[in-house]
Every structure is written in C-alpha cells, then in structure tokens.
PDB file of N, CA and C in Angstrom:
ATOM      1  N   SER A   1     126.991 144.612  31.203  1.00  0.00           N
ATOM      2  CA  SER A   1     127.669 145.595  32.028  1.00  0.00           C
ATOM      3  C   SER A   1     126.774 145.966  33.202  1.00  0.00           C
ATOM      4  N   GLU A   2     127.375 146.464  34.273  1.00  0.00           N
ATOM      5  CA  GLU A   2     126.640 146.838  35.473  1.00  0.00           C
ATOM      6  C   GLU A   2     126.392 148.336  35.464  1.00  0.00           C
ATOM      7  N   ASP A   3     125.203 148.744  35.898  1.00  0.00           N
ATOM      8  CA  ASP A   3     124.817 150.145  35.827  1.00  0.00           C
ATOM      9  C   ASP A   3     123.749 150.412  36.885  1.00  0.00           C
ATOM     10  N   VAL A   4     123.407 151.684  37.088  1.00  0.00           N
ATOM     11  CA  VAL A   4     122.312 152.065  37.975  1.00  0.00           C
ATOM     12  C   VAL A   4     121.184 152.605  37.104  1.00  0.00           C
ATOM     13  N   LEU A   5     119.991 152.116  37.342  1.00  0.00           N
ATOM     14  CA  LEU A   5     118.840 152.483  36.523  1.00  0.00           C
ATOM     15  C   LEU A   5     118.448 153.937  36.772  1.00  0.00           C
ATOM     16  N   SER A   6     118.317 154.710  35.696  1.00  0.00           N
ATOM     17  CA  SER A   6     118.020 156.136  35.820  1.00  0.00           C
ATOM     18  C   SER A   6     116.524 156.430  35.888  1.00  0.00           C
ATOM     19  N   LYS A   7     115.682 155.457  35.498  1.00  0.00           N
ATOM     20  CA  LYS A   7     114.230 155.626  35.608  1.00  0.00           C
ATOM     21  C   LYS A   7     113.577 154.244  35.690  1.00  0.00           C
ATOM     22  N   ASP A   8     112.365 154.202  36.197  1.00  0.00           N
ATOM     23  CA  ASP A   8     111.625 152.942  36.293  1.00  0.00           C
ATOM     24  C   ASP A   8     111.541 152.305  34.910  1.00  0.00           C
ATOM     25  N   ALA A   9     111.616 150.961  34.858  1.00  0.00           N
ATOM     26  CA  ALA A   9     111.668 150.286  33.562  1.00  0.00           C
ATOM     27  C   ALA A   9     110.843 149.009  33.506  1.00  0.00           C
ATOM     28  N   GLY A  10     109.686 148.973  34.159  1.00  0.00           N
ATOM     29  CA  GLY A  10     108.853 147.772  34.089  1.00  0.00           C
ATOM     30  C   GLY A  10     109.339 146.701  35.038  1.00  0.00           C
ATOM     31  N   GLU A  11     109.084 145.438  34.683  1.00  0.00           N
ATOM     32  CA  GLU A  11     109.453 144.360  35.591  1.00  0.00           C
ATOM     33  C   GLU A  11     110.618 143.543  35.059  1.00  0.00           C
ATOM     34  N   CYS A  12     111.382 142.988  35.985  1.00  0.00           N
ATOM     35  CA  CYS A  12     112.472 142.074  35.666  1.00  0.00           C
ATOM     36  C   CYS A  12     111.841 140.763  35.183  1.00  0.00           C
ATOM     37  N   ALA A  13     112.245 140.292  34.017  1.00  0.00           N
ATOM     38  CA  ALA A  13     111.671 139.070  33.448  1.00  0.00           C
ATOM     39  C   ALA A  13     112.068 137.819  34.218  1.00  0.00           C
ATOM     40  N   ILE A  14     113.031 137.938  35.124  1.00  0.00           N
ATOM     41  CA  ILE A  14     113.472 136.777  35.898  1.00  0.00           C
ATOM     42  C   ILE A  14     112.685 136.664  37.208  1.00  0.00           C
ATOM     43  N   CYS A  15     112.680 137.720  38.018  1.00  0.00           N
ATOM     44  CA  CYS A  15     112.019 137.634  39.328  1.00  0.00           C
ATOM     45  C   CYS A  15     110.629 138.274  39.332  1.00  0.00           C
ATOM     46  N   LEU A  16     110.286 138.998  38.272  1.00  0.00           N
ATOM     47  CA  LEU A  16     109.006 139.668  38.111  1.00  0.00           C
ATOM     48  C   LEU A  16     108.799 140.844  39.065  1.00  0.00           C
ATOM     49  N   GLU A  17     109.866 141.267  39.761  1.00  0.00           N
ATOM     50  CA  GLU A  17     109.813 142.466  40.594  1.00  0.00           C
ATOM     51  C   GLU A  17     110.047 143.677  39.700  1.00  0.00           C
ATOM     52  N   GLU A  18     109.544 144.832  40.105  1.00  0.00           N
ATOM     53  CA  GLU A  18     109.709 146.052  39.323  1.00  0.00           C
ATOM     54  C   GLU A  18     111.168 146.490  39.282  1.00  0.00           C
ATOM     55  N   LEU A  19     111.611 146.939  38.120  1.00  0.00           N
ATOM     56  CA  LEU A  19     112.913 147.574  37.958  1.00  0.00           C
ATOM     57  C   LEU A  19     112.700 149.054  38.239  1.00  0.00           C
ATOM     58  N   GLN A  20     113.242 149.542  39.357  1.00  0.00           N
ATOM     59  CA  GLN A  20     112.962 150.897  39.793  1.00  0.00           C
ATOM     60  C   GLN A  20     114.200 151.785  39.715  1.00  0.00           C
ATOM     61  N   GLN A  21     113.957 153.073  39.543  1.00  0.00           N
ATOM     62  CA  GLN A  21     115.037 154.050  39.504  1.00  0.00           C
ATOM     63  C   GLN A  21     115.955 153.841  40.705  1.00  0.00           C
ATOM     64  N   GLY A  22     117.261 153.816  40.447  1.00  0.00           N
ATOM     65  CA  GLY A  22     118.246 153.619  41.503  1.00  0.00           C
ATOM     66  C   GLY A  22     118.671 152.183  41.695  1.00  0.00           C
ATOM     67  N   ASP A  23     117.933 151.217  41.119  1.00  0.00           N
ATOM     68  CA  ASP A  23     118.320 149.803  41.213  1.00  0.00           C
ATOM     69  C   ASP A  23     119.626 149.575  40.461  1.00  0.00           C
ATOM     70  N   THR A  24     120.458 148.700  40.996  1.00  0.00           N
ATOM     71  CA  THR A  24     121.642 148.260  40.267  1.00  0.00           C
ATOM     72  C   THR A  24     121.194 147.202  39.281  1.00  0.00           C
ATOM     73  N   ILE A  25     121.595 147.364  38.032  1.00  0.00           N
ATOM     74  CA  ILE A  25     121.150 146.457  36.971  1.00  0.00           C
ATOM     75  C   ILE A  25     122.339 145.927  36.186  1.00  0.00           C
ATOM     76  N   ALA A  26     122.096 144.837  35.482  1.00  0.00           N
ATOM     77  CA  ALA A  26     123.031 144.322  34.482  1.00  0.00           C
ATOM     78  C   ALA A  26     122.376 144.521  33.127  1.00  0.00           C
ATOM     79  N   ARG A  27     123.125 145.087  32.192  1.00  0.00           N
ATOM     80  CA  ARG A  27     122.615 145.305  30.836  1.00  0.00           C
ATOM     81  C   ARG A  27     123.360 144.333  29.913  1.00  0.00           C
ATOM     82  N   LEU A  28     122.612 143.461  29.265  1.00  0.00           N
ATOM     83  CA  LEU A  28     123.200 142.469  28.369  1.00  0.00           C
ATOM     84  C   LEU A  28     123.476 143.084  26.995  1.00  0.00           C
ATOM     85  N   PRO A  29     124.270 142.417  26.146  1.00  0.00           N
ATOM     86  CA  PRO A  29     124.545 142.939  24.807  1.00  0.00           C
ATOM     87  C   PRO A  29     123.284 143.189  23.975  1.00  0.00           C
ATOM     88  N   CYS A  30     122.215 142.438  24.233  1.00  0.00           N
ATOM     89  CA  CYS A  30     120.947 142.634  23.518  1.00  0.00           C
ATOM     90  C   CYS A  30     120.168 143.832  24.063  1.00  0.00           C
ATOM     91  N   LEU A  31     120.719 144.511  25.093  1.00  0.00           N
ATOM     92  CA  LEU A  31     120.158 145.683  25.769  1.00  0.00           C
ATOM     93  C   LEU A  31     119.054 145.368  26.768  1.00  0.00           C
ATOM     94  N   CYS A  32     118.765 144.083  27.008  1.00  0.00           N
ATOM     95  CA  CYS A  32     117.829 143.714  28.069  1.00  0.00           C
ATOM     96  C   CYS A  32     118.486 144.020  29.413  1.00  0.00           C
ATOM     97  N   ILE A  33     117.660 144.367  30.413  1.00  0.00           N
ATOM     98  CA  ILE A  33     118.195 144.678  31.738  1.00  0.00           C
ATOM     99  C   ILE A  33     117.541 143.812  32.807  1.00  0.00           C
ATOM    100  N   TYR A  34     118.337 143.488  33.835  1.00  0.00           N
ATOM    101  CA  TYR A  34     117.900 142.637  34.943  1.00  0.00           C
ATOM    102  C   TYR A  34     118.532 143.135  36.226  1.00  0.00           C
ATOM    103  N   HIS A  35     117.945 142.787  37.365  1.00  0.00           N
ATOM    104  CA  HIS A  35     118.501 143.179  38.660  1.00  0.00           C
ATOM    105  C   HIS A  35     119.903 142.617  38.854  1.00  0.00           C
ATOM    106  N   LYS A  36     120.735 143.385  39.518  1.00  0.00           N
ATOM    107  CA  LYS A  36     122.079 142.946  39.878  1.00  0.00           C
ATOM    108  C   LYS A  36     122.422 143.578  41.228  1.00  0.00           C
ATOM    109  N   GLY A  37     122.922 142.756  42.148  1.00  0.00           N
ATOM    110  CA  GLY A  37     123.407 143.283  43.417  1.00  0.00           C
ATOM    111  C   GLY A  37     122.330 143.662  44.417  1.00  0.00           C
ATOM    112  N   GLN A  38     121.158 143.028  44.364  1.00  0.00           N
ATOM    113  CA  GLN A  38     120.093 143.308  45.310  1.00  0.00           C
ATOM    114  C   GLN A  38     119.489 141.997  45.791  1.00  0.00           C
ATOM    115  N   ILE A  39     118.754 142.068  46.878  1.00  0.00           N
ATOM    116  CA  ILE A  39     118.054 140.898  47.410  1.00  0.00           C
ATOM    117  C   ILE A  39     116.564 141.064  47.147  1.00  0.00           C
ATOM    118  N   PHE A  40     115.928 140.018  46.672  1.00  0.00           N
ATOM    119  CA  PHE A  40     114.521 140.078  46.310  1.00  0.00           C
ATOM    120  C   PHE A  40     113.734 139.021  47.055  1.00  0.00           C
ATOM    121  N   MET A  41     112.483 139.298  47.253  1.00  0.00           N
ATOM    122  CA  MET A  41     111.565 138.345  47.868  1.00  0.00           C
ATOM    123  C   MET A  41     110.519 137.960  46.834  1.00  0.00           C
ATOM    124  N   SER A  42     110.841 137.021  45.997  1.00  0.00           N
ATOM    125  CA  SER A  42     109.919 136.589  44.963  1.00  0.00           C
ATOM    126  C   SER A  42     109.548 135.140  45.204  1.00  0.00           C
ATOM    127  N   ILE A  43     108.256 134.848  45.212  1.00  0.00           N
ATOM    128  CA  ILE A  43     107.845 133.455  45.355  1.00  0.00           C
ATOM    129  C   ILE A  43     107.720 132.789  43.992  1.00  0.00           C
ATOM    130  N   VAL A  44     107.805 133.572  42.924  1.00  0.00           N
ATOM    131  CA  VAL A  44     107.671 133.024  41.583  1.00  0.00           C
ATOM    132  C   VAL A  44     108.924 132.250  41.190  1.00  0.00           C
ATOM    133  N   PHE A  45     110.086 132.814  41.436  1.00  0.00           N
ATOM    134  CA  PHE A  45     111.351 132.164  41.086  1.00  0.00           C
ATOM    135  C   PHE A  45     112.146 131.957  42.364  1.00  0.00           C
ATOM    136  N   ILE A  46     112.170 130.730  42.844  1.00  0.00           N
ATOM    137  CA  ILE A  46     112.759 130.415  44.133  1.00  0.00           C
ATOM    138  C   ILE A  46     114.230 130.793  44.200  1.00  0.00           C
ATOM    139  N   PHE A  47     114.956 130.741  43.065  1.00  0.00           N
ATOM    140  CA  PHE A  47     116.374 131.063  43.112  1.00  0.00           C
ATOM    141  C   PHE A  47     116.634 132.543  43.329  1.00  0.00           C
ATOM    142  N   CYS A  48     115.633 133.392  43.245  1.00  0.00           N
ATOM    143  CA  CYS A  48     115.806 134.817  43.526  1.00  0.00           C
ATOM    144  C   CYS A  48     115.597 135.144  45.004  1.00  0.00           C
ATOM    145  N   LEU A  49     115.106 134.204  45.786  1.00  0.00           N
ATOM    146  CA  LEU A  49     114.792 134.496  47.175  1.00  0.00           C
ATOM    147  C   LEU A  49     116.008 134.943  47.973  1.00  0.00           C
ATOM    148  N   ALA A  50     117.135 134.280  47.799  1.00  0.00           N
ATOM    149  CA  ALA A  50     118.334 134.636  48.552  1.00  0.00           C
ATOM    150  C   ALA A  50     119.431 135.105  47.614  1.00  0.00           C
ATOM    151  N   SER A  51     119.041 135.586  46.485  1.00  0.00           N
ATOM    152  CA  SER A  51     119.987 135.944  45.446  1.00  0.00           C
ATOM    153  C   SER A  51     120.536 137.349  45.612  1.00  0.00           C
ATOM    154  N   ASN A  52     121.785 137.534  45.214  1.00  0.00           N
ATOM    155  CA  ASN A  52     122.350 138.864  45.123  1.00  0.00           C
ATOM    156  C   ASN A  52     122.122 139.439  43.745  1.00  0.00           C
ATOM    157  N   SER A  53     121.737 138.616  42.801  1.00  0.00           N
ATOM    158  CA  SER A  53     121.591 139.086  41.438  1.00  0.00           C
ATOM    159  C   SER A  53     120.731 138.135  40.637  1.00  0.00           C
ATOM    160  N   CYS A  54     119.639 138.642  40.091  1.00  0.00           N
ATOM    161  CA  CYS A  54     118.776 137.803  39.258  1.00  0.00           C
ATOM    162  C   CYS A  54     119.559 137.238  38.079  1.00  0.00           C
ATOM    163  N   ILE A  55     120.291 138.099  37.378  1.00  0.00           N
ATOM    164  CA  ILE A  55     120.960 137.652  36.160  1.00  0.00           C
ATOM    165  C   ILE A  55     122.110 136.694  36.456  1.00  0.00           C
ATOM    166  N   ASP A  56     122.837 136.881  37.552  1.00  0.00           N
ATOM    167  CA  ASP A  56     123.905 135.938  37.897  1.00  0.00           C
ATOM    168  C   ASP A  56     123.331 134.563  38.198  1.00  0.00           C
ATOM    169  N   GLU A  57     122.224 134.529  38.940  1.00  0.00           N
ATOM    170  CA  GLU A  57     121.573 133.253  39.235  1.00  0.00           C
ATOM    171  C   GLU A  57     121.046 132.611  37.954  1.00  0.00           C
ATOM    172  N   TRP A  58     120.490 133.411  37.064  1.00  0.00           N
ATOM    173  CA  TRP A  58     119.995 132.898  35.780  1.00  0.00           C
ATOM    174  C   TRP A  58     121.129 132.258  34.998  1.00  0.00           C
ATOM    175  N   PHE A  59     122.279 132.928  34.945  1.00  0.00           N
ATOM    176  CA  PHE A  59     123.414 132.421  34.164  1.00  0.00           C
ATOM    177  C   PHE A  59     124.022 131.150  34.755  1.00  0.00           C
ATOM    178  N   GLU A  60     123.739 130.842  36.013  1.00  0.00           N
ATOM    179  CA  GLU A  60     124.187 129.567  36.564  1.00  0.00           C
ATOM    180  C   GLU A  60     123.430 128.404  35.926  1.00  0.00           C
ATOM    181  N   VAL A  61     122.224 128.675  35.417  1.00  0.00           N
ATOM    182  CA  VAL A  61     121.370 127.647  34.816  1.00  0.00           C
ATOM    183  C   VAL A  61     121.320 127.769  33.292  1.00  0.00           C
ATOM    184  N   ASN A  62     121.303 128.992  32.788  1.00  0.00           N
ATOM    185  CA  ASN A  62     121.180 129.263  31.355  1.00  0.00           C
ATOM    186  C   ASN A  62     122.240 130.269  30.937  1.00  0.00           C
ATOM    187  N   ARG A  63     122.772 130.127  29.738  1.00  0.00           N
ATOM    188  CA  ARG A  63     123.799 131.056  29.265  1.00  0.00           C
ATOM    189  C   ARG A  63     123.275 132.038  28.217  1.00  0.00           C
ATOM    190  N   SER A  64     121.955 132.165  28.097  1.00  0.00           N
ATOM    191  CA  SER A  64     121.396 133.094  27.138  1.00  0.00           C
ATOM    192  C   SER A  64     120.462 134.066  27.839  1.00  0.00           C
ATOM    193  N   CYS A  65     120.128 135.126  27.157  1.00  0.00           N
ATOM    194  CA  CYS A  65     119.182 136.109  27.683  1.00  0.00           C
ATOM    195  C   CYS A  65     117.826 135.427  27.888  1.00  0.00           C
ATOM    196  N   PRO A  66     117.170 135.665  29.036  1.00  0.00           N
ATOM    197  CA  PRO A  66     115.854 135.058  29.273  1.00  0.00           C
ATOM    198  C   PRO A  66     114.803 135.456  28.233  1.00  0.00           C
ATOM    199  N   GLU A  67     114.971 136.636  27.636  1.00  0.00           N
ATOM    200  CA  GLU A  67     113.996 137.109  26.657  1.00  0.00           C
ATOM    201  C   GLU A  67     114.405 136.855  25.205  1.00  0.00           C
ATOM    202  N   HIS A  68     115.671 136.501  25.000  1.00  0.00           N
ATOM    203  CA  HIS A  68     116.192 136.214  23.650  1.00  0.00           C
ATOM    204  C   HIS A  68     117.038 134.937  23.675  1.00  0.00           C
ATOM    205  N   PRO A  69     116.442 133.794  23.950  1.00  0.00           N
ATOM    206  CA  PRO A  69     117.220 132.556  24.131  1.00  0.00           C
ATOM    207  C   PRO A  69     117.973 132.087  22.884  1.00  0.00           C
ATOM    208  N   SER A  70     117.577 132.546  21.712  1.00  0.00           N
ATOM    209  CA  SER A  70     118.264 132.101  20.500  1.00  0.00           C
ATOM    210  C   SER A  70     119.465 132.955  20.135  1.00  0.00           C
ATOM    211  N   ASP A  71     119.653 134.097  20.853  1.00  0.00           N
ATOM    212  CA  ASP A  71     120.789 134.993  20.562  1.00  0.00           C
ATOM    213  C   ASP A  71     122.094 134.416  21.069  1.00  0.00           C
TER     214      ASP A  71
END
C-alpha cells in the first residue's frame, strides 16, 4: 500500500537513500517499506537514477521483497 512516512526510518534497501519523514512510501505485506513516487540520485542502483519509485522498478525485475526473497 502507498503511504506517507511519519518519521525517519533508516535507509531504503533498494537505493540506499534515507527514508525520511514526509517521503511517499510503499509498504509491503511483510511490513517492509521502500520509496514510492520520488526521484533519487543513487549511483549504487542504476535503475533508481531516473525512477519514480524504487519498489516499482524492483518489481519489474523481481516479484519478492528485497529483504524477504523467500516470502
């Protein structure tokens, strides 16, 4: 589901950018959260460079949670 982060929550496991209060996020059924609806400048994951959403780009390649691939 899509939501707005109410407090800082560490780093996004996909782009490694900080998840900050006010960021639009996607919350997966496992309760992991990732950026959604923002543009990031990450040199670590090239697909996040022009991305509108870390998790949407991730799901184009993988259909599981980046932190819980066996779920």
